[in-house]
C-alpha atoms as a PDB file:
ATOM      1  CA  MET A   1      15.436  -8.742 -15.477  1.00  0.00           C
ATOM      2  CA  LEU A   2      14.534  -7.883 -11.883  1.00  0.00           C
ATOM      3  CA  GLU A   3      14.946  -4.235 -10.898  1.00  0.00           C
ATOM      4  CA  LYS A   4      15.374  -2.775  -7.446  1.00  0.00           C
ATOM      5  CA  MET A   5      12.027  -1.490  -6.229  1.00  0.00           C
ATOM      6  CA  SER A   6      13.047   2.164  -6.007  1.00  0.00           C
ATOM      7  CA  ASP A   7      14.715   2.094  -9.449  1.00  0.00           C
ATOM      8  CA  PHE A   8      11.664   0.490 -11.037  1.00  0.00           C
ATOM      9  CA  PHE A   9       9.365   3.342 -10.040  1.00  0.00           C
ATOM     10  CA  GLU A  10      11.866   6.137 -10.619  1.00  0.00           C
ATOM     11  CA  LYS A  11      12.258   4.988 -14.233  1.00  0.00           C
ATOM     12  CA  ARG A  12       8.497   4.946 -14.775  1.00  0.00           C
ATOM     13  CA  LEU A  13       7.576   8.255 -13.193  1.00  0.00           C
ATOM     14  CA  GLU A  14       6.719   9.901 -16.505  1.00  0.00           C
ATOM     15  CA  GLY A  15       3.304   8.647 -17.511  1.00  0.00           C
ATOM     16  CA  TYR A  16       2.807   6.682 -14.292  1.00  0.00           C
ATOM     17  CA  ASP A  17      -0.536   8.246 -13.360  1.00  0.00           C
ATOM     18  CA  ALA A  18      -1.974   7.725 -16.834  1.00  0.00           C
ATOM     19  CA  HIS A  19      -0.752   4.122 -16.853  1.00  0.00           C
ATOM     20  CA  MET A  20      -2.356   3.347 -13.508  1.00  0.00           C
ATOM     21  CA  ARG A  21      -5.654   4.934 -14.449  1.00  0.00           C
ATOM     22  CA  THR A  22      -5.968   3.330 -17.874  1.00  0.00           C
ATOM     23  CA  ASN A  23      -4.054   0.038 -17.691  1.00  0.00           C
ATOM     24  CA  ILE A  24      -5.022  -1.222 -14.237  1.00  0.00           C
ATOM     25  CA  ALA A  25      -8.436  -2.896 -14.297  1.00  0.00           C
ATOM     26  CA  SER A  26     -11.124  -0.996 -12.346  1.00  0.00           C
ATOM     27  CA  ALA A  27      -8.711   1.726 -11.160  1.00  0.00           C
ATOM     28  CA  THR A  28     -11.342   4.374 -11.892  1.00  0.00           C
ATOM     29  CA  GLU A  29     -13.556   2.578  -9.357  1.00  0.00           C
ATOM     30  CA  PHE A  30     -11.252   1.376  -6.597  1.00  0.00           C
ATOM     31  CA  TYR A  31      -9.357   4.650  -6.049  1.00  0.00           C
ATOM     32  CA  PRO A  32     -12.519   6.683  -5.305  1.00  0.00           C
ATOM     33  CA  PHE A  33     -14.051   3.794  -3.359  1.00  0.00           C
ATOM     34  CA  THR A  34     -11.003   3.586  -1.108  1.00  0.00           C
ATOM     35  CA  ALA A  35     -11.028   7.335  -0.520  1.00  0.00           C
ATOM     36  CA  LYS A  36     -14.687   7.259   0.535  1.00  0.00           C
ATOM     37  CA  CYS A  37     -13.884   4.608   3.143  1.00  0.00           C
ATOM     38  CA  LEU A  38     -11.287   6.773   4.895  1.00  0.00           C
ATOM     39  CA  PRO A  39     -12.247   9.089   7.789  1.00  0.00           C
ATOM     40  CA  LEU A  40     -13.962  12.247   6.616  1.00  0.00           C
ATOM     41  CA  TRP A  41     -13.913  14.295   9.791  1.00  0.00           C
ATOM     42  CA  GLU A  42     -11.899  17.486   9.959  1.00  0.00           C
ATOM     43  CA  ASN A  43      -8.147  17.323  10.635  1.00  0.00           C
ATOM     44  CA  CYS A  44      -7.980  13.540  10.898  1.00  0.00           C
ATOM     45  CA  HIS A  45      -4.525  11.950  10.549  1.00  0.00           C
ATOM     46  CA  ILE A  46      -3.910   9.292   7.882  1.00  0.00           C
ATOM     47  CA  LEU A  47      -0.886   7.099   7.156  1.00  0.00           C
ATOM     48  CA  ASP A  48      -0.405   6.108   3.499  1.00  0.00           C
ATOM     49  CA  LEU A  49       1.965   3.181   2.869  1.00  0.00           C
ATOM     50  CA  GLY A  50       3.483   3.290  -0.609  1.00  0.00           C
ATOM     51  CA  CYS A  51       1.739   6.546  -1.458  1.00  0.00           C
ATOM     52  CA  GLY A  52       3.514   7.000  -4.805  1.00  0.00           C
ATOM     53  CA  THR A  53       2.157   9.983  -6.717  1.00  0.00           C
ATOM     54  CA  GLY A  54      -0.975  10.006  -4.578  1.00  0.00           C
ATOM     55  CA  LEU A  55      -3.704   8.720  -6.862  1.00  0.00           C
ATOM     56  CA  GLU A  56      -5.803   7.735  -3.849  1.00  0.00           C
ATOM     57  CA  LEU A  57      -5.010  11.086  -2.222  1.00  0.00           C
ATOM     58  CA  GLU A  58      -6.377  12.982  -5.225  1.00  0.00           C
ATOM     59  CA  GLU A  59      -9.711  11.351  -4.475  1.00  0.00           C
ATOM     60  CA  TYR A  60      -9.376  11.708  -0.724  1.00  0.00           C
ATOM     61  CA  TYR A  61      -8.417  15.375  -0.588  1.00  0.00           C
ATOM     62  CA  ALA A  62     -11.440  16.167  -2.762  1.00  0.00           C
ATOM     63  CA  LEU A  63     -13.571  14.722   0.052  1.00  0.00           C
ATOM     64  CA  ASN A  64     -11.536  15.861   3.057  1.00  0.00           C
ATOM     65  CA  PRO A  65      -9.192  18.761   2.260  1.00  0.00           C
ATOM     66  CA  SER A  66      -8.288  19.310   5.928  1.00  0.00           C
ATOM     67  CA  ALA A  67      -6.855  15.820   6.473  1.00  0.00           C
ATOM     68  CA  SER A  68      -3.272  15.456   7.635  1.00  0.00           C
ATOM     69  CA  VAL A  69      -1.499  12.722   5.655  1.00  0.00           C
ATOM     70  CA  THR A  70       1.838  11.042   6.305  1.00  0.00           C
ATOM     71  CA  GLY A  71       2.992   9.307   3.126  1.00  0.00           C
ATOM     72  CA  ILE A  72       5.862   6.832   2.847  1.00  0.00           C
ATOM     73  CA  ASP A  73       7.409   5.725  -0.436  1.00  0.00           C
ATOM     74  CA  LEU A  74      10.769   4.507  -1.742  1.00  0.00           C
ATOM     75  CA  SER A  75      10.729   6.796  -4.791  1.00  0.00           C
ATOM     76  CA  HIS A  76      11.988  10.356  -4.334  1.00  0.00           C
ATOM     77  CA  GLY A  77      10.637  11.254  -7.766  1.00  0.00           C
ATOM     78  CA  MET A  78       7.134  10.106  -6.957  1.00  0.00           C
ATOM     79  CA  LEU A  79       7.129  11.956  -3.668  1.00  0.00           C
ATOM     80  CA  SER A  80       8.247  15.098  -5.477  1.00  0.00           C
ATOM     81  CA  ALA A  81       5.368  14.707  -7.943  1.00  0.00           C
ATOM     82  CA  LEU A  82       2.958  14.203  -5.058  1.00  0.00           C
ATOM     83  CA  ARG A  83       4.176  17.326  -3.277  1.00  0.00           C
ATOM     84  CA  LYS A  84       3.658  19.365  -6.458  1.00  0.00           C
ATOM     85  CA  LYS A  85       0.056  18.159  -6.669  1.00  0.00           C
ATOM     86  CA  PHE A  86      -0.789  19.334  -3.158  1.00  0.00           C
ATOM     87  CA  PRO A  87       1.426  22.283  -2.151  1.00  0.00           C
ATOM     88  CA  ASP A  88      -1.278  23.635   0.151  1.00  0.00           C
ATOM     89  CA  LYS A  89      -2.149  20.414   2.017  1.00  0.00           C
ATOM     90  CA  ASN A  90      -0.976  19.128   5.389  1.00  0.00           C
ATOM     91  CA  LEU A  91       1.235  16.475   3.836  1.00  0.00           C
ATOM     92  CA  HIS A  92       4.273  14.924   5.507  1.00  0.00           C
ATOM     93  CA  LEU A  93       6.292  12.802   3.066  1.00  0.00           C
ATOM     94  CA  ILE A  94       8.990  10.309   4.004  1.00  0.00           C
ATOM     95  CA  ALA A  95      11.359   8.735   1.464  1.00  0.00           C
ATOM     96  CA  GLY A  96      12.108   5.235   2.638  1.00  0.00           C
ATOM     97  CA  SER A  97      10.833   1.706   3.132  1.00  0.00           C
ATOM     98  CA  TYR A  98       7.719   1.331   5.243  1.00  0.00           C
ATOM     99  CA  PHE A  99       9.399  -1.787   6.628  1.00  0.00           C
ATOM    100  CA  ALA A 100      12.012   0.466   8.247  1.00  0.00           C
ATOM    101  CA  VAL A 101      10.393   3.872   8.867  1.00  0.00           C
ATOM    102  CA  PRO A 102       9.061   4.281  12.464  1.00  0.00           C
ATOM    103  CA  PHE A 103       5.306   4.886  12.658  1.00  0.00           C
ATOM    104  CA  GLY A 104       4.952   5.867  16.312  1.00  0.00           C
ATOM    105  CA  GLU A 105       2.148   4.600  18.559  1.00  0.00           C
ATOM    106  CA  GLY A 106      -1.472   5.707  18.778  1.00  0.00           C
ATOM    107  CA  VAL A 107      -0.901   8.391  16.145  1.00  0.00           C
ATOM    108  CA  PHE A 108      -3.227   7.746  13.207  1.00  0.00           C
ATOM    109  CA  ASP A 109      -6.996   7.662  12.790  1.00  0.00           C
ATOM    110  CA  ALA A 110      -6.558   5.303   9.836  1.00  0.00           C
ATOM    111  CA  ALA A 111      -3.949   3.880   7.498  1.00  0.00           C
ATOM    112  CA  VAL A 112      -4.253   3.047   3.833  1.00  0.00           C
ATOM    113  CA  SER A 113      -2.260   1.277   1.149  1.00  0.00           C
ATOM    114  CA  VAL A 114      -3.258   0.970  -2.509  1.00  0.00           C
ATOM    115  CA  GLU A 115      -1.519  -1.303  -5.024  1.00  0.00           C
ATOM    116  CA  SER A 116       1.729  -1.494  -3.048  1.00  0.00           C
ATOM    117  CA  LEU A 117       1.825  -4.479  -0.699  1.00  0.00           C
ATOM    118  CA  HIS A 118       1.468  -7.258  -3.279  1.00  0.00           C
ATOM    119  CA  HIS A 119       5.245  -7.716  -3.436  1.00  0.00           C
ATOM    120  CA  PHE A 120       5.752  -9.344  -0.035  1.00  0.00           C
ATOM    121  CA  THR A 121       5.246 -12.596   1.813  1.00  0.00           C
ATOM    122  CA  LYS A 122       2.944 -13.209   4.742  1.00  0.00           C
ATOM    123  CA  GLU A 123       6.003 -13.589   6.981  1.00  0.00           C
ATOM    124  CA  GLU A 124       7.356 -10.216   5.837  1.00  0.00           C
ATOM    125  CA  LYS A 125       4.010  -8.507   6.355  1.00  0.00           C
ATOM    126  CA  GLU A 126       3.215  -9.679   9.874  1.00  0.00           C
ATOM    127  CA  PRO A 127       5.889  -7.529  11.626  1.00  0.00           C
ATOM    128  CA  LEU A 128       4.887  -4.571   9.428  1.00  0.00           C
ATOM    129  CA  TYR A 129       1.233  -5.016  10.343  1.00  0.00           C
ATOM    130  CA  THR A 130       2.129  -5.336  14.023  1.00  0.00           C
ATOM    131  CA  ARG A 131       3.821  -1.919  13.897  1.00  0.00           C
ATOM    132  CA  LEU A 132       0.904  -0.546  11.915  1.00  0.00           C
ATOM    133  CA  TYR A 133      -1.565  -1.847  14.500  1.00  0.00           C
ATOM    134  CA  LYS A 134       0.335  -0.062  17.263  1.00  0.00           C
ATOM    135  CA  ALA A 135       0.445   3.170  15.242  1.00  0.00           C
ATOM    136  CA  LEU A 136      -3.352   3.410  15.057  1.00  0.00           C
ATOM    137  CA  LYS A 137      -5.548   5.086  17.631  1.00  0.00           C
ATOM    138  CA  ALA A 138      -7.922   2.908  19.657  1.00  0.00           C
ATOM    139  CA  THR A 139     -10.715   3.288  17.090  1.00  0.00           C
ATOM    140  CA  GLY A 140      -8.385   3.235  14.080  1.00  0.00           C
ATOM    141  CA  TYR A 141      -8.412   0.951  11.072  1.00  0.00           C
ATOM    142  CA  PHE A 142      -6.362  -0.046   8.049  1.00  0.00           C
ATOM    143  CA  LEU A 143      -7.715   0.006   4.496  1.00  0.00           C
ATOM    144  CA  LEU A 144      -5.886  -2.211   2.022  1.00  0.00           C
ATOM    145  CA  THR A 145      -6.818  -2.019  -1.652  1.00  0.00           C
ATOM    146  CA  ASP A 146      -4.650  -4.344  -3.680  1.00  0.00           C
ATOM    147  CA  TYR A 147      -4.753  -7.254  -6.045  1.00  0.00           C
ATOM    148  CA  PHE A 148      -4.596 -10.783  -4.729  1.00  0.00           C
ATOM    149  CA  SER A 149      -3.946 -14.311  -5.888  1.00  0.00           C
ATOM    150  CA  LEU A 150      -7.227 -16.129  -6.414  1.00  0.00           C
ATOM    151  CA  SER A 151      -5.854 -19.473  -5.250  1.00  0.00           C
ATOM    152  CA  GLU A 152      -3.036 -20.852  -3.127  1.00  0.00           C
ATOM    153  CA  GLU A 153      -1.504 -22.435  -6.218  1.00  0.00           C
ATOM    154  CA  GLU A 154      -1.381 -19.032  -7.934  1.00  0.00           C
ATOM    155  CA  GLU A 155       0.268 -17.556  -4.835  1.00  0.00           C
ATOM    156  CA  ARG A 156       2.889 -20.323  -4.794  1.00  0.00           C
ATOM    157  CA  MET A 157       3.498 -19.908  -8.533  1.00  0.00           C
ATOM    158  CA  HIS A 158       4.319 -16.205  -8.174  1.00  0.00           C
ATOM    159  CA  ARG A 159       6.761 -16.939  -5.354  1.00  0.00           C
ATOM    160  CA  ARG A 160       8.434 -19.782  -7.294  1.00  0.00           C
ATOM    161  CA  ASN A 161       8.846 -17.534 -10.317  1.00  0.00           C
ATOM    162  CA  LEU A 162      10.514 -14.841  -8.216  1.00  0.00           C
ATOM    163  CA  MET A 163      12.889 -17.326  -6.585  1.00  0.00           C
ATOM    164  CA  THR A 164      13.814 -18.688 -10.015  1.00  0.00           C
ATOM    165  CA  LEU A 165      14.562 -15.209 -11.376  1.00  0.00           C
ATOM    166  CA  MET A 166      16.659 -14.316  -8.339  1.00  0.00           C
ATOM    167  CA  ALA A 167      18.664 -17.540  -8.673  1.00  0.00           C
ATOM    168  CA  GLU A 168      19.197 -16.991 -12.407  1.00  0.00           C
ATOM    169  CA  GLN A 169      20.431 -13.444 -11.780  1.00  0.00           C
ATOM    170  CA  GLY A 170      22.576 -14.408  -8.791  1.00  0.00           C
ATOM    171  CA  ILE A 171      20.671 -12.110  -6.452  1.00  0.00           C
ATOM    172  CA  LYS A 172      21.411 -12.867  -2.820  1.00  0.00           C
ATOM    173  CA  ASP A 173      21.045  -9.503  -1.088  1.00  0.00           C
ATOM    174  CA  ARG A 174      17.996  -8.395   0.892  1.00  0.00           C
ATOM    175  CA  VAL A 175      17.278  -5.281  -1.183  1.00  0.00           C
ATOM    176  CA  LEU A 176      13.644  -4.997  -2.307  1.00  0.00           C
ATOM    177  CA  TYR A 177      13.150  -6.046  -5.924  1.00  0.00           C
ATOM    178  CA  HIS A 178      10.081  -5.357  -7.998  1.00  0.00           C
ATOM    179  CA  TYR A 179       8.107  -8.503  -8.707  1.00  0.00           C
ATOM    180  CA  ASP A 180       4.446  -9.165  -7.964  1.00  0.00           C
ATOM    181  CA  THR A 181       3.829 -11.966  -5.462  1.00  0.00           C
ATOM    182  CA  PRO A 182       0.259 -11.323  -4.224  1.00  0.00           C
ATOM    183  CA  LEU A 183      -1.114 -13.382  -1.368  1.00  0.00           C
ATOM    184  CA  THR A 184      -4.598 -14.813  -1.293  1.00  0.00           C
ATOM    185  CA  VAL A 185      -7.175 -12.767   0.608  1.00  0.00           C
ATOM    186  CA  GLU A 186      -7.229 -15.573   3.184  1.00  0.00           C
ATOM    187  CA  HIS A 187      -3.477 -15.378   3.821  1.00  0.00           C
ATOM    188  CA  GLU A 188      -3.563 -11.565   3.911  1.00  0.00           C
ATOM    189  CA  THR A 189      -6.331 -11.771   6.489  1.00  0.00           C
ATOM    190  CA  GLU A 190      -4.307 -14.242   8.552  1.00  0.00           C
ATOM    191  CA  ALA A 191      -1.340 -11.859   8.568  1.00  0.00           C
ATOM    192  CA  LEU A 192      -3.512  -8.964   9.745  1.00  0.00           C
ATOM    193  CA  LEU A 193      -5.168 -10.984  12.496  1.00  0.00           C
ATOM    194  CA  ALA A 194      -1.792 -12.339  13.641  1.00  0.00           C
ATOM    195  CA  ALA A 195      -0.613  -8.723  13.985  1.00  0.00           C
ATOM    196  CA  GLY A 196      -3.413  -7.990  16.450  1.00  0.00           C
ATOM    197  CA  PHE A 197      -6.257  -6.609  14.342  1.00  0.00           C
ATOM    198  CA  SER A 198      -9.609  -7.654  15.780  1.00  0.00           C
ATOM    199  CA  SER A 199     -11.419  -8.215  12.498  1.00  0.00           C
ATOM    200  CA  VAL A 200     -10.885  -8.081   8.744  1.00  0.00           C
ATOM    201  CA  GLU A 201     -13.765  -7.385   6.352  1.00  0.00           C
ATOM    202  CA  VAL A 202     -13.926  -7.427   2.558  1.00  0.00           C
ATOM    203  CA  LEU A 203     -15.615  -4.147   1.643  1.00  0.00           C
ATOM    204  CA  ASN A 204     -15.611  -4.565  -2.132  1.00  0.00           C
ATOM    205  CA  HIS A 205     -13.803  -6.273  -4.965  1.00  0.00           C
ATOM    206  CA  TRP A 206     -13.216  -5.915  -8.688  1.00  0.00           C
ATOM    207  CA  GLU A 207     -12.081  -9.251 -10.116  1.00  0.00           C
ATOM    208  CA  ALA A 208      -8.717  -9.856  -8.359  1.00  0.00           C
ATOM    209  CA  THR A 209      -8.579  -6.430  -6.665  1.00  0.00           C
ATOM    210  CA  PHE A 210     -10.080  -6.264  -3.173  1.00  0.00           C
ATOM    211  CA  THR A 211     -10.544  -3.627  -0.500  1.00  0.00           C
ATOM    212  CA  LEU A 212     -10.037  -5.010   3.001  1.00  0.00           C
ATOM    213  CA  LYS A 213     -10.776  -3.155   6.235  1.00  0.00           C
ATOM    214  CA  ALA A 214      -8.850  -4.285   9.315  1.00  0.00           C
ATOM    215  CA  MET A 215     -10.157  -2.896  12.611  1.00  0.00           C
ATOM    216  CA  LYS A 216      -7.903  -2.353  15.607  1.00  0.00           C
END
């Protein structure tokens, strides 16, 4: 049974951090790796898309405690948990969809998203990435750590399965539902380049999980 995205994460708040650390392959490696790839200079400004309870921010604040972070997430409960973790940090949290929340222009030194964007199509991501591109400073970049389909057939299979479930459940609205439909790295790269990013580099990978760096 498909669940609305916000409901899915609200229901799983208890034990979420432990689940992500122990049940997601290579999580103990890709969270710290991602944090090390973010800017480490004092008072830099970071945008975190789908920040959740801040597993990547735990690693990042250990490296750069002065960073200013704007985090966006659908789940009020997860944002509350994140705030409790870092009551003394420069942390601005926004409850909402990163498809709808304004980012501003030329604001951020870097943006990051970890294990959040694998629910959306290339066509849905391109306008998001265009806004993200504009929100970065001239030397800014976007770090995406997520899991990907390893073939186009796998990507199509995930999308077919979602469409079948939505048809079976009579879902016709445009509310976000939780179901994994990861793109291939190639299609993700195409979406980023179409949004204006000058280059996209694979920094590391752990089986199906990759870290991509998109430069403005």
